[in-house]
Protein backbone atom coordinates (compact mmCIF):
# COMPACT_ATOMS: atom_id res chain seq x y z
CA UNK A 1 -13.23 11.51 -22.89
CA UNK A 2 -12.26 9.05 -20.17
CA UNK A 3 -14.40 5.90 -20.04
CA UNK A 4 -15.81 4.51 -16.79
CA UNK A 5 -13.37 1.58 -16.85
CA UNK A 6 -10.22 3.66 -17.29
CA UNK A 7 -9.81 4.68 -13.61
CA UNK A 8 -9.95 1.01 -12.61
CA UNK A 9 -7.43 0.12 -15.31
CA UNK A 10 -5.17 2.92 -14.08
CA UNK A 11 -5.52 1.75 -10.49
CA UNK A 12 -4.54 -1.78 -11.49
CA UNK A 13 -1.64 -0.38 -13.55
CA UNK A 14 -0.48 1.75 -10.59
CA UNK A 15 -0.49 -1.28 -8.30
CA UNK A 16 1.52 -3.26 -10.84
CA UNK A 17 3.84 -0.28 -11.36
CA UNK A 18 4.44 0.05 -7.61
CA UNK A 19 5.21 -3.68 -7.41
CA UNK A 20 7.69 -3.48 -10.29
CA UNK A 21 9.44 -0.48 -8.70
CA UNK A 22 9.64 -2.41 -5.42
CA UNK A 23 11.14 -5.39 -7.30
CA UNK A 24 13.76 -3.10 -8.86
CA UNK A 25 15.07 -2.23 -5.40
CA UNK A 26 15.20 -5.85 -4.22
CA UNK A 27 16.99 -7.36 -7.23
CA UNK A 28 20.08 -9.28 -6.18
CA UNK A 29 22.51 -7.79 -8.70
CA UNK A 30 22.95 -4.90 -11.13
CA UNK A 31 22.16 -7.20 -14.07
CA UNK A 32 18.92 -8.34 -12.38
CA UNK A 33 18.02 -4.71 -11.68
CA UNK A 34 18.54 -3.70 -15.33
CA UNK A 35 16.46 -6.64 -16.60
CA UNK A 36 13.71 -5.82 -14.08
CA UNK A 37 13.66 -2.23 -15.40
CA UNK A 38 13.27 -3.45 -18.99
CA UNK A 39 10.60 -6.03 -18.09
CA UNK A 40 8.66 -3.48 -16.04
CA UNK A 41 8.40 -1.07 -18.98
CA UNK A 42 6.78 -3.87 -20.98
CA UNK A 43 4.57 -5.54 -18.36
CA UNK A 44 3.66 -2.59 -16.11
CA UNK A 45 3.76 0.38 -18.51
CA UNK A 46 2.31 -1.50 -21.47
CA UNK A 47 4.95 -1.07 -24.22
CA UNK A 48 5.63 -3.85 -26.68
CA UNK A 49 9.43 -3.57 -26.39
CA UNK A 50 11.87 -1.78 -24.13
CA UNK A 51 15.66 -1.47 -23.88
CA UNK A 52 17.89 -0.13 -21.11
CA UNK A 53 20.88 1.70 -22.59
CA UNK A 54 23.52 2.17 -19.86
CA UNK A 55 26.30 4.79 -19.93
CA UNK A 56 29.74 3.14 -19.84
CA UNK A 57 32.88 4.61 -18.29
CA UNK A 58 34.00 5.87 -21.73
CA UNK A 59 30.71 7.76 -22.13
CA UNK A 60 29.16 5.57 -24.84
CA UNK A 61 25.90 3.72 -24.17
CA UNK A 62 25.53 -0.05 -24.30
CA UNK A 63 22.25 -1.99 -24.58
CA UNK A 64 22.44 -3.66 -21.15
CA UNK A 65 18.94 -5.20 -21.01
CA UNK A 66 16.04 -5.80 -23.38
CA UNK A 67 12.47 -7.10 -23.07
CA UNK A 68 9.50 -7.82 -25.30
CA UNK A 69 10.93 -9.43 -28.44
CA UNK A 70 13.46 -12.32 -28.29
CA UNK A 71 14.56 -11.80 -31.88
CA UNK A 72 15.30 -8.11 -31.35
CA UNK A 73 16.97 -8.91 -28.01
CA UNK A 74 19.44 -11.26 -29.69
CA UNK A 75 20.10 -8.67 -32.37
CA UNK A 76 20.93 -5.59 -30.28
CA UNK A 77 21.78 -6.63 -26.69
CA UNK A 78 25.40 -5.72 -25.98
CA UNK A 79 25.69 -3.34 -28.93
CA UNK A 80 27.09 0.13 -28.31
CA UNK A 81 25.96 3.55 -29.52
CA UNK A 82 28.25 6.56 -29.38
CA UNK A 83 27.56 9.34 -26.90
CA UNK A 84 27.60 11.84 -29.77
CA UNK A 85 24.70 10.06 -31.50
CA UNK A 86 22.74 9.80 -28.25
CA UNK A 87 23.26 13.51 -27.46
CA UNK A 88 21.91 14.33 -30.90
CA UNK A 89 18.70 12.47 -30.04
CA UNK A 90 18.30 13.73 -26.48
CA UNK A 91 19.41 17.34 -26.88
CA UNK A 92 18.71 18.49 -30.43
CA UNK A 93 15.76 16.56 -31.84
CA UNK A 94 12.11 15.75 -31.20
CA UNK A 95 9.54 17.00 -28.74
CA UNK A 96 10.10 17.46 -24.99
CA UNK A 97 7.48 15.71 -22.83
CA UNK A 98 8.86 16.74 -19.44
CA UNK A 99 12.07 14.75 -19.16
CA UNK A 100 10.98 12.45 -22.02
CA UNK A 101 12.07 12.90 -25.62
CA UNK A 102 9.65 11.89 -28.40
CA UNK A 103 11.00 11.84 -31.97
CA UNK A 104 8.15 11.38 -34.48
CA UNK A 105 8.62 9.39 -37.67
CA UNK A 106 8.53 12.60 -39.69
CA UNK A 107 11.82 13.65 -38.05
CA UNK A 108 13.38 10.37 -37.00
CA UNK A 109 14.13 9.05 -40.48
CA UNK A 110 17.40 11.00 -40.44
CA UNK A 111 18.63 8.67 -37.63
CA UNK A 112 18.32 5.47 -39.63
CA UNK A 113 22.02 5.38 -40.53
CA UNK A 114 23.71 6.37 -37.24
CA UNK A 115 25.36 3.91 -34.85
CA UNK A 116 22.70 3.76 -32.12
CA UNK A 117 21.20 0.23 -31.90
CA UNK A 118 17.55 0.43 -32.86
CA UNK A 119 14.59 -1.64 -33.97
CA UNK A 120 11.12 -1.18 -35.36
CA UNK A 121 7.76 -2.67 -34.57
CA UNK A 122 5.95 -3.61 -37.74
CA UNK A 123 2.52 -2.13 -38.26
CA UNK A 124 0.34 -0.14 -40.62
CA UNK A 125 0.70 3.58 -41.19
CA UNK A 126 -1.26 5.74 -38.72
CA UNK A 127 -4.92 6.30 -39.44
CA UNK A 128 -5.43 9.18 -36.99
CA UNK A 129 -3.36 11.88 -35.35
CA UNK A 130 -2.23 10.24 -32.10
CA UNK A 131 -1.73 6.72 -33.46
CA UNK A 132 1.78 5.30 -33.01
CA UNK A 133 3.83 5.10 -36.21
CA UNK A 134 6.24 2.15 -36.59
CA UNK A 135 9.14 4.64 -36.90
CA UNK A 136 8.22 6.78 -33.86
CA UNK A 137 10.83 6.84 -31.06
CA UNK A 138 10.34 7.55 -27.36
CA UNK A 139 13.23 7.91 -24.88
CA UNK A 140 13.20 8.27 -21.06
CA UNK A 141 16.62 9.53 -19.88
CA UNK A 142 17.76 8.37 -16.43
CA UNK A 143 19.86 10.78 -14.39
CA UNK A 144 21.74 10.19 -11.18
CA UNK A 145 19.19 10.68 -8.39
CA UNK A 146 18.04 14.23 -7.70
CA UNK A 147 14.74 16.07 -7.37
CA UNK A 148 11.87 14.51 -9.36
CA UNK A 149 11.39 16.29 -12.66
CA UNK A 150 14.76 17.99 -12.57
CA UNK A 151 17.83 16.84 -14.57
CA UNK A 152 20.22 17.87 -11.84
CA UNK A 153 22.48 14.82 -12.11
CA UNK A 154 24.61 13.16 -14.75
CA UNK A 155 23.14 10.92 -17.43
CA UNK A 156 23.03 7.37 -16.10
CA UNK A 157 21.31 5.76 -19.08
CA UNK A 158 18.24 5.84 -21.31
CA UNK A 159 15.12 3.66 -21.38
CA UNK A 160 13.96 3.26 -25.01
CA UNK A 161 10.38 2.06 -25.55
CA UNK A 162 8.48 1.17 -28.68
CA UNK A 163 4.75 1.08 -29.49
CA UNK A 164 2.28 1.17 -26.60
CA UNK A 165 -0.03 -1.84 -26.64
CA UNK A 166 -3.06 0.34 -27.29
CA UNK A 167 -1.40 1.62 -30.47
CA UNK A 168 -1.57 5.28 -29.44
CA UNK A 169 1.00 7.78 -28.37
CA UNK A 170 0.95 7.98 -24.56
CA UNK A 171 -1.25 10.65 -23.05
CA UNK A 172 -0.53 12.81 -20.02
CA UNK A 173 -0.93 9.96 -17.54
CA UNK A 174 1.21 7.59 -19.58
CA UNK A 175 3.95 10.18 -19.96
CA UNK A 176 3.96 10.95 -16.26
CA UNK A 177 4.10 7.23 -15.43
CA UNK A 178 7.07 6.66 -17.77
CA UNK A 179 8.90 9.72 -16.40
CA UNK A 180 8.33 8.59 -12.79
CA UNK A 181 9.41 5.08 -13.75
CA UNK A 182 12.69 6.36 -15.23
CA UNK A 183 13.34 8.40 -12.07
CA UNK A 184 12.78 5.35 -9.83
CA UNK A 185 14.82 3.14 -12.18
CA UNK A 186 17.77 5.55 -11.86
CA UNK A 187 17.57 5.26 -8.06
CA UNK A 188 17.40 1.46 -8.25
CA UNK A 189 20.36 1.24 -10.65
CA UNK A 190 22.39 3.66 -8.51
CA UNK A 191 21.56 1.63 -5.41
CA UNK A 192 22.44 -1.62 -7.18
CA UNK A 193 25.80 -0.15 -8.15
CA UNK A 194 26.23 1.10 -4.60
CA UNK A 195 25.46 -2.33 -3.14
CA UNK A 196 27.86 -3.96 -5.58
CA UNK A 197 30.60 -1.50 -4.64
CA UNK A 198 29.97 -2.03 -0.95
CA UNK A 199 30.00 -5.81 -1.29
CA UNK A 200 33.30 -5.66 -3.15
CA UNK A 201 34.64 -3.40 -0.42
CA UNK A 202 33.53 -5.84 2.27
CA UNK A 203 35.30 -8.73 0.51
CA UNK A 204 38.49 -6.72 0.48
CA UNK A 205 38.00 -5.90 4.18
CA UNK A 206 38.02 -9.62 4.99
CA UNK A 207 41.21 -10.39 3.09
CA UNK A 208 43.85 -8.17 4.64
CA UNK A 209 44.46 -4.98 6.55
CA UNK A 210 46.13 -3.32 3.62
CA UNK A 211 43.02 -3.84 1.45
CA UNK A 212 40.99 -2.31 4.29
CA UNK A 213 43.05 0.91 4.17
CA UNK A 214 42.91 0.99 0.38
CA UNK A 215 39.13 0.64 0.24
CA UNK A 216 38.30 3.00 3.14
CA UNK A 217 38.03 6.08 0.94
CA UNK A 218 35.90 4.24 -1.60
CA UNK A 219 33.57 3.05 1.15
CA UNK A 220 33.40 6.53 2.67
CA UNK A 221 32.42 8.04 -0.66
CA UNK A 222 29.76 5.40 -1.27
CA UNK A 223 28.39 5.86 2.25
CA UNK A 224 28.44 9.65 2.45
CA UNK A 225 27.04 10.33 -1.01
CA UNK A 226 24.45 7.56 -1.15
CA UNK A 227 21.15 9.01 -2.43
CA UNK A 228 19.24 7.37 0.46
CA UNK A 229 19.93 7.16 4.18
CA UNK A 230 22.76 5.04 5.57
CA UNK A 231 23.86 4.34 9.14
CA UNK A 232 26.44 2.22 10.93
CA UNK A 233 25.58 0.89 14.39
CA UNK A 234 27.32 -1.19 17.03
CA UNK A 235 26.53 -4.90 17.05
CA UNK A 236 26.67 -6.89 20.27
CA UNK A 237 27.71 -5.84 23.77
CA UNK A 238 26.17 -3.30 26.10
CA UNK A 239 25.97 -0.66 23.34
CA UNK A 240 24.29 -2.91 20.80
CA UNK A 241 22.35 -0.83 18.27
CA UNK A 242 23.92 2.51 19.16
CA UNK A 243 24.36 4.62 16.03
CA UNK A 244 28.00 5.36 15.28
CA UNK A 245 27.78 7.11 11.93
CA UNK A 246 25.14 8.47 9.58
CA UNK A 247 25.24 10.04 6.13
CA UNK A 248 23.80 13.38 5.09
CA UNK A 249 20.78 11.80 3.41
CA UNK A 250 19.63 10.18 6.67
CA UNK A 251 20.25 13.35 8.69
CA UNK A 252 18.17 15.36 6.21
CA UNK A 253 15.41 12.76 6.23
CA UNK A 254 15.05 12.87 10.03
CA UNK A 255 15.93 16.56 10.45
CA UNK A 256 18.65 15.71 12.97
CA UNK A 257 22.36 16.65 12.85
CA UNK A 258 24.95 13.87 12.76
CA UNK A 259 26.20 14.78 16.24
CA UNK A 260 22.70 14.30 17.68
CA UNK A 261 22.17 11.01 15.82
CA UNK A 262 25.13 9.49 17.67
CA UNK A 263 23.19 9.78 20.93
CA UNK A 264 20.49 7.39 19.69
CA UNK A 265 19.86 3.86 18.57
CA UNK A 266 17.16 3.00 16.04
CA UNK A 267 15.08 1.67 18.97
CA UNK A 268 15.02 5.23 20.37
CA UNK A 269 13.78 6.69 17.07
CA UNK A 270 11.22 4.11 15.96
CA UNK A 271 7.48 4.65 16.45
CA UNK A 272 6.27 2.82 19.61
CA UNK A 273 3.95 0.63 17.54
CA UNK A 274 6.87 -0.49 15.35
CA UNK A 275 9.36 -1.50 18.07
CA UNK A 276 8.45 -5.18 17.66
CA UNK A 277 8.99 -4.95 13.91
CA UNK A 278 12.43 -3.41 14.47
CA UNK A 279 13.48 -6.11 16.95
CA UNK A 280 12.44 -8.86 14.53
CA UNK A 281 14.61 -7.38 11.76
CA UNK A 282 17.71 -6.27 13.67
CA UNK A 283 19.94 -9.10 12.41
CA UNK A 284 21.86 -9.43 9.16
CA UNK A 285 19.62 -9.42 6.10
CA UNK A 286 16.70 -8.03 8.09
CA UNK A 287 14.18 -5.96 6.17
CA UNK A 288 11.31 -3.91 7.53
CA UNK A 289 8.96 -1.06 6.74
CA UNK A 290 8.44 1.12 9.81
CA UNK A 291 8.21 4.71 11.05
CA UNK A 292 11.15 6.77 12.35
CA UNK A 293 10.77 9.95 14.37
CA UNK A 294 11.80 13.31 13.00
CA UNK A 295 13.14 16.11 15.13
CA UNK A 296 9.83 18.02 14.84
CA UNK A 297 7.93 15.14 16.45
CA UNK A 298 6.42 13.73 13.26
CA UNK A 299 7.14 10.29 11.84
CA UNK A 300 8.21 9.20 8.36
CA UNK A 301 7.71 5.77 6.78
CA UNK A 302 10.99 4.15 5.71
CA UNK A 303 12.19 0.88 4.26
CA UNK A 304 15.02 -0.41 6.43
CA UNK A 305 17.53 -3.03 5.27
CA UNK A 306 20.45 -4.42 7.31
CA UNK A 307 23.74 -6.04 6.46
CA UNK A 308 26.82 -6.76 8.56
CA UNK A 309 30.27 -5.23 8.18
CA UNK A 310 32.42 -8.15 9.27
CA UNK A 311 35.94 -8.23 10.70
CA UNK A 312 37.95 -11.26 9.61
CA UNK A 313 39.48 -11.81 13.06
CA UNK A 314 36.70 -10.95 15.48
CA UNK A 315 33.56 -11.78 13.50
CA UNK A 316 30.58 -9.43 12.91
CA UNK A 317 31.06 -6.08 14.56
CA UNK A 318 28.95 -3.41 12.86
CA UNK A 319 25.46 -3.28 11.44
CA UNK A 320 25.14 -1.37 8.17
CA UNK A 321 21.59 -0.06 7.74
CA UNK A 322 20.13 1.30 4.52
CA UNK A 323 17.12 3.61 5.07
CA UNK A 324 14.88 4.61 2.13
CA UNK A 325 12.06 7.15 2.32
CA UNK A 326 8.78 5.43 1.34
CA UNK A 327 6.39 8.03 2.80
CA UNK A 328 4.75 8.79 -0.55
CA UNK A 329 4.24 5.12 -1.41
CA UNK A 330 2.78 4.39 2.04
CA UNK A 331 0.44 7.36 1.75
CA UNK A 332 -0.87 6.04 -1.56
CA UNK A 333 -1.23 2.52 -0.16
CA UNK A 334 -3.21 3.82 2.81
CA UNK A 335 -5.42 5.88 0.50
CA UNK A 336 -6.12 2.84 -1.68
CA UNK A 337 -6.85 0.69 1.38
CA UNK A 338 -9.21 3.33 2.78
CA UNK A 339 -11.08 3.64 -0.52
CA UNK A 340 -11.51 -0.13 -0.66
CA UNK A 341 -12.94 -0.35 2.88
CA UNK A 342 -14.96 2.88 3.22
CA UNK A 343 -18.04 4.38 1.60
CA UNK A 344 -17.07 7.16 -0.82
CA UNK A 345 -20.06 9.38 0.05
CA UNK A 346 -20.17 9.29 3.86
CA UNK A 347 -16.64 8.15 4.70
CA UNK A 348 -18.08 5.39 6.91
CA UNK A 349 -16.83 1.78 6.77
CA UNK A 350 -18.56 0.00 3.90
CA UNK A 351 -20.36 -3.34 3.83
CA UNK A 352 -17.18 -5.39 3.30
CA UNK A 353 -15.37 -3.65 6.16
CA UNK A 354 -18.41 -4.07 8.43
CA UNK A 355 -18.50 -7.82 7.78
CA UNK A 356 -14.74 -8.05 8.33
CA UNK A 357 -14.96 -6.32 11.73
CA UNK A 358 -17.93 -8.43 12.74
CA UNK A 359 -16.33 -11.70 11.61
CA UNK A 360 -13.19 -10.87 13.59
CA UNK A 361 -15.28 -11.08 16.79
CA UNK A 362 -16.93 -14.41 15.96
CA UNK A 363 -15.66 -17.97 15.98
CA UNK A 364 -17.23 -21.29 15.11
CA UNK A 365 -17.86 -23.45 18.17
CA UNK A 366 -18.26 -27.28 18.07
CA UNK A 367 -21.81 -27.88 16.90
CA UNK A 368 -22.62 -31.15 18.73
CA UNK A 369 -21.51 -33.52 21.45
CA UNK A 370 -19.66 -35.72 19.00
CA UNK A 371 -17.23 -32.90 18.40
CA UNK A 372 -16.62 -32.61 22.13
CA UNK A 373 -16.03 -36.36 22.40
CA UNK A 374 -13.45 -36.24 19.60
CA UNK A 375 -11.66 -33.47 21.48
CA UNK A 376 -11.71 -35.54 24.68
CA UNK A 377 -9.99 -38.37 22.85
CA UNK A 378 -7.46 -36.10 21.14
CA UNK A 379 -6.38 -34.15 24.23
CA UNK A 380 -6.99 -36.63 27.01
CA UNK A 381 -9.39 -34.47 29.04
CA UNK A 382 -12.95 -33.15 28.74
CA UNK A 383 -12.85 -30.61 25.93
CA UNK A 384 -15.28 -28.21 27.53
CA UNK A 385 -14.22 -28.48 31.16
CA UNK A 386 -12.49 -25.10 30.98
CA UNK A 387 -13.20 -22.20 33.33
CA UNK A 388 -15.29 -19.30 32.01
CA UNK A 389 -13.21 -16.48 30.56
CA UNK A 390 -10.38 -18.86 29.64
CA UNK A 391 -9.74 -16.90 26.43
CA UNK A 392 -9.25 -19.99 24.25
CA UNK A 393 -11.42 -21.73 21.70
CA UNK A 394 -11.30 -24.94 19.70
CA UNK A 395 -11.46 -23.94 16.05
CA UNK A 396 -12.41 -26.53 13.38
CA UNK A 397 -9.79 -27.07 10.72
CA UNK A 398 -9.03 -29.45 7.88
CA UNK A 399 -8.41 -32.40 10.23
CA UNK A 400 -11.27 -31.78 12.66
CA UNK A 401 -10.60 -29.43 15.57
CA UNK A 402 -7.12 -28.00 15.58
CA UNK A 403 -5.19 -26.72 18.57
CA UNK A 404 -6.12 -23.83 20.82
CA UNK A 405 -6.91 -20.52 19.16
CA UNK A 406 -6.60 -17.45 21.40
CA UNK A 407 -10.07 -15.96 21.47
CA UNK A 408 -12.57 -14.47 23.93
CA UNK A 409 -16.06 -15.67 23.07
CA UNK A 410 -18.73 -13.18 22.11
CA UNK A 411 -21.96 -13.90 23.98
CA UNK A 412 -25.45 -12.34 23.81
CA UNK A 413 -27.96 -11.45 26.56
CA UNK A 414 -30.77 -13.95 26.86
CA UNK A 415 -33.97 -13.40 24.88
CA UNK A 416 -36.98 -11.82 26.51
CA UNK A 417 -35.36 -10.27 29.58
CA UNK A 418 -32.55 -7.97 30.64
CA UNK A 419 -30.45 -10.31 32.82
CA UNK A 420 -27.56 -7.86 33.18
CA UNK A 421 -25.44 -9.68 30.60
CA UNK A 422 -23.40 -7.52 28.23
CA UNK A 423 -22.91 -8.38 24.60
CA UNK A 424 -22.14 -7.08 21.11
CA UNK A 425 -25.26 -5.23 19.98
CA UNK A 426 -25.93 -4.88 16.25
CA UNK A 427 -28.32 -2.02 15.44
CA UNK A 428 -29.79 -2.11 11.93
CA UNK A 429 -31.02 1.37 10.92
CA UNK A 430 -33.25 2.02 7.91
CA UNK A 431 -34.31 5.59 7.03
CA UNK A 432 -38.05 6.23 6.62
CA UNK A 433 -39.16 8.67 3.93
CA UNK A 434 -35.75 8.91 2.29
CA UNK A 435 -37.00 7.82 -1.15
CA UNK A 436 -39.49 10.68 -1.27
CA UNK A 437 -36.69 13.19 -0.65
CA UNK A 438 -34.74 11.74 -3.56
CA UNK A 439 -37.84 11.80 -5.77
CA UNK A 440 -38.94 15.34 -4.84
CA UNK A 441 -35.65 17.21 -4.43
CA UNK A 442 -33.10 15.15 -6.37
CA UNK A 443 -30.12 12.98 -5.57
CA UNK A 444 -27.98 15.88 -4.34
CA UNK A 445 -30.47 16.46 -1.56
CA UNK A 446 -30.54 12.74 -0.85
CA UNK A 447 -26.74 12.63 -0.64
CA UNK A 448 -26.76 15.59 1.77
CA UNK A 449 -29.24 13.73 4.00
CA UNK A 450 -27.11 10.57 4.02
CA UNK A 451 -23.97 12.54 4.90
CA UNK A 452 -25.73 14.33 7.78
CA UNK A 453 -27.27 11.11 9.10
CA UNK A 454 -23.83 9.48 9.02
CA UNK A 455 -22.43 12.41 11.00
CA UNK A 456 -25.18 12.25 13.61
CA UNK A 457 -24.82 8.51 14.03
CA UNK A 458 -21.04 8.81 14.43
CA UNK A 459 -21.42 11.57 17.02
CA UNK A 460 -24.03 9.57 18.93
CA UNK A 461 -21.91 6.49 19.63
CA UNK A 462 -18.89 5.86 21.81
CA UNK A 463 -15.26 5.79 20.75
CA UNK A 464 -14.56 2.25 19.60
CA UNK A 465 -18.09 1.60 18.30
CA UNK A 466 -18.52 1.11 14.56
CA UNK A 467 -20.97 3.02 12.37
CA UNK A 468 -21.10 1.60 8.81
CA UNK A 469 -23.15 2.25 5.72
CA UNK A 470 -24.53 -1.05 4.48
CA UNK A 471 -25.86 0.47 1.25
CA UNK A 472 -28.59 2.86 0.10
CA UNK A 473 -30.28 4.33 3.19
CA UNK A 474 -29.28 1.47 5.50
CA UNK A 475 -26.76 1.85 8.32
CA UNK A 476 -25.42 -0.56 10.93
CA UNK A 477 -23.96 0.20 14.37
CA UNK A 478 -21.76 -2.27 16.28
CA UNK A 479 -21.67 -1.43 19.99
CA UNK A 480 -19.91 -3.81 22.37
CA UNK A 481 -20.51 -4.22 26.09
CA UNK A 482 -24.23 -3.35 26.08
CA UNK A 483 -27.17 -4.92 27.85
CA UNK A 484 -30.65 -5.09 26.33
CA UNK A 485 -31.80 -1.88 28.01
CA UNK A 486 -28.57 -0.12 26.96
CA UNK A 487 -29.10 -1.09 23.33
CA UNK A 488 -32.71 0.07 23.37
CA UNK A 489 -31.68 3.40 24.93
CA UNK A 490 -29.02 3.82 22.26
CA UNK A 491 -31.54 3.17 19.47
CA UNK A 492 -33.94 5.75 20.95
CA UNK A 493 -31.19 8.38 21.25
CA UNK A 494 -29.99 7.81 17.71
CA UNK A 495 -33.55 7.94 16.32
CA UNK A 496 -34.16 11.23 18.14
CA UNK A 497 -31.02 12.65 16.56
CA UNK A 498 -31.94 11.52 13.06
CA UNK A 499 -35.49 12.92 13.07
CA UNK A 500 -34.29 16.47 13.68
CA UNK A 501 -34.58 18.73 10.56
CA UNK A 502 -31.75 18.45 8.03
CA UNK A 503 -30.64 21.24 5.67
CA UNK A 504 -30.43 19.90 2.12
CA UNK A 505 -30.28 22.00 -1.04
CA UNK A 506 -31.35 25.13 0.84
CA UNK A 507 -34.41 23.60 2.53
CA UNK A 508 -35.20 21.77 5.74
CA UNK A 509 -36.24 18.13 5.30
CA UNK A 510 -36.99 15.34 7.74
CA UNK A 511 -36.52 11.61 7.69
CA UNK A 512 -37.56 8.98 10.15
CA UNK A 513 -35.59 5.94 11.24
CA UNK A 514 -36.44 2.34 12.10
CA UNK A 515 -34.06 0.34 14.26
CA UNK A 516 -33.73 -3.38 14.68
CA UNK A 517 -31.50 -4.68 17.47
CA UNK A 518 -29.71 -7.97 16.97
CA UNK A 519 -27.01 -9.64 19.02
CA UNK A 520 -23.84 -11.28 17.80
CA UNK A 521 -22.51 -14.42 19.41
CA UNK A 522 -19.93 -17.01 18.50
CA UNK A 523 -21.33 -19.74 16.29
CA UNK A 524 -23.05 -17.22 13.98
CA UNK A 525 -21.71 -15.82 10.73
CA UNK A 526 -21.60 -12.09 10.03
CA UNK A 527 -24.43 -12.44 7.51
CA UNK A 528 -26.58 -14.29 10.03
CA UNK A 529 -26.06 -11.52 12.59
CA UNK A 530 -27.00 -8.79 10.09
CA UNK A 531 -30.02 -10.76 8.89
CA UNK A 532 -31.23 -11.13 12.49
CA UNK A 533 -30.99 -7.36 13.12
CA UNK A 534 -32.64 -6.62 9.76
CA UNK A 535 -35.58 -8.90 10.55
CA UNK A 536 -36.07 -7.27 13.96
CA UNK A 537 -36.10 -3.88 12.25
CA UNK A 538 -38.92 -4.97 9.94
CA UNK A 539 -40.86 -6.39 12.90
CA UNK A 540 -40.49 -3.01 14.61
CA UNK A 541 -41.71 -1.23 11.45
CA UNK A 542 -44.82 -3.42 11.18
CA UNK A 543 -45.69 -2.99 14.83
CA UNK A 544 -45.51 0.81 14.85
CA UNK A 545 -48.85 1.57 13.10
CA UNK A 546 -50.72 -0.66 15.57
CA UNK A 547 -49.05 1.10 18.48
CA UNK A 548 -50.00 4.46 17.04
CA UNK A 549 -53.62 3.43 16.65
CA UNK A 550 -53.77 2.24 20.25
CA UNK A 551 -52.16 5.50 21.40
CA UNK A 552 -54.79 7.52 19.50
């Protein structure tokens, strides 16, 4: 049975795994990529040792990288195992865990005398069924990139791992993680080889025209059959950025034929919100993560990396752009970010997100005249002799007040009267009678009430306003541009919506609502603003019985 801490451990492991896989694709050389693969299996996947066995041109496999045990690394790095011995392991022995091959100690003893470099992690004999035996073997074959889960390419190499740190054979999640890791490692190694081939080709291009003709076919093959998208664009002149050539992978990714791609530049295809990102990364060595438009009108997240194809005589002429599909990774990142900032029950922003949004509207103003005098001396003019609506603020820093910080001050209507001023209203809402619903009908009914209240609050505010769940049966609404009468009207409308009957667990229930209205203004902290609204809510609660008695 999964413990309560395991999902958090898995989430941390996934983040580390994603970071390692990103590092694999940014390593500077093939050797760095191979070492990153080996280190990642140890540090991100949790195995005590790992080796990357790479297929050589003659078909045999060499131990190209090792991690986890310096003594074992010195012993087997660079040693070669025959392809025949490896095929025996991968094709004819052990258990198939998807693409993985697990050879238990009961079967693996027959391999002790073959020529494949191997090692053992010392440890006691297993005490229970799924405990790792010192002689167990686990292999993750890497194939030239194809569809995940399908061995549709040639064998590129094998990741060998030994003894998970928890001492148990990996379960379903661990197997899936290792299989996915091997798939991504194969892509990274293929890309590293591709980059190395392309760099060698570019060096030959700079040396002489004859080398250019000799390497053209090699470059064409590397470009056309790259597993991820590639494009060549003009650099400089009136047609700067116009796409000249694309490979099949990029055309498939965007759903556009090569002939149509030549009518565009990347600036024509990028999402409008990402144009600035593209312009900042259009030079050599530029890297960016942005969205490109598909033919069907949708957008896909990609990692874009630029290099320059240089001509020895005329200087840089073409921009070579590598485009990798990162849609799945981005989707997971957005899901993780949403879970961290939103309430799991109602889907509303949570307390941390509420404070973040509120803090973004507030600044700290100079607290006394001495601060203003120091600014006068620093800048040579009265610090506060600035027209209203100037949009700048003096923000205190490590050395006093720093330079100008672009900011429009948040102000509040004056107390006691509606003077027509508009401000950022903070409505603190506490449900009345909610505890009795939980006590009488159970937590499922209580959850249904909270979800419906969240829906009614969200429907009752304007686009751009924030409705957040502070915790328990407490909600907060941020509504900008309201006067005092506007805020009071909003509270009345929202209360009238909340008190309508709610269907929960097959019955109609009712809850009341108390609202406190506070106002945010620069100079306050987010907690001070929320405390002010909370206090006003309790004042309103205490005053209601007296009002009712007078009305009766």
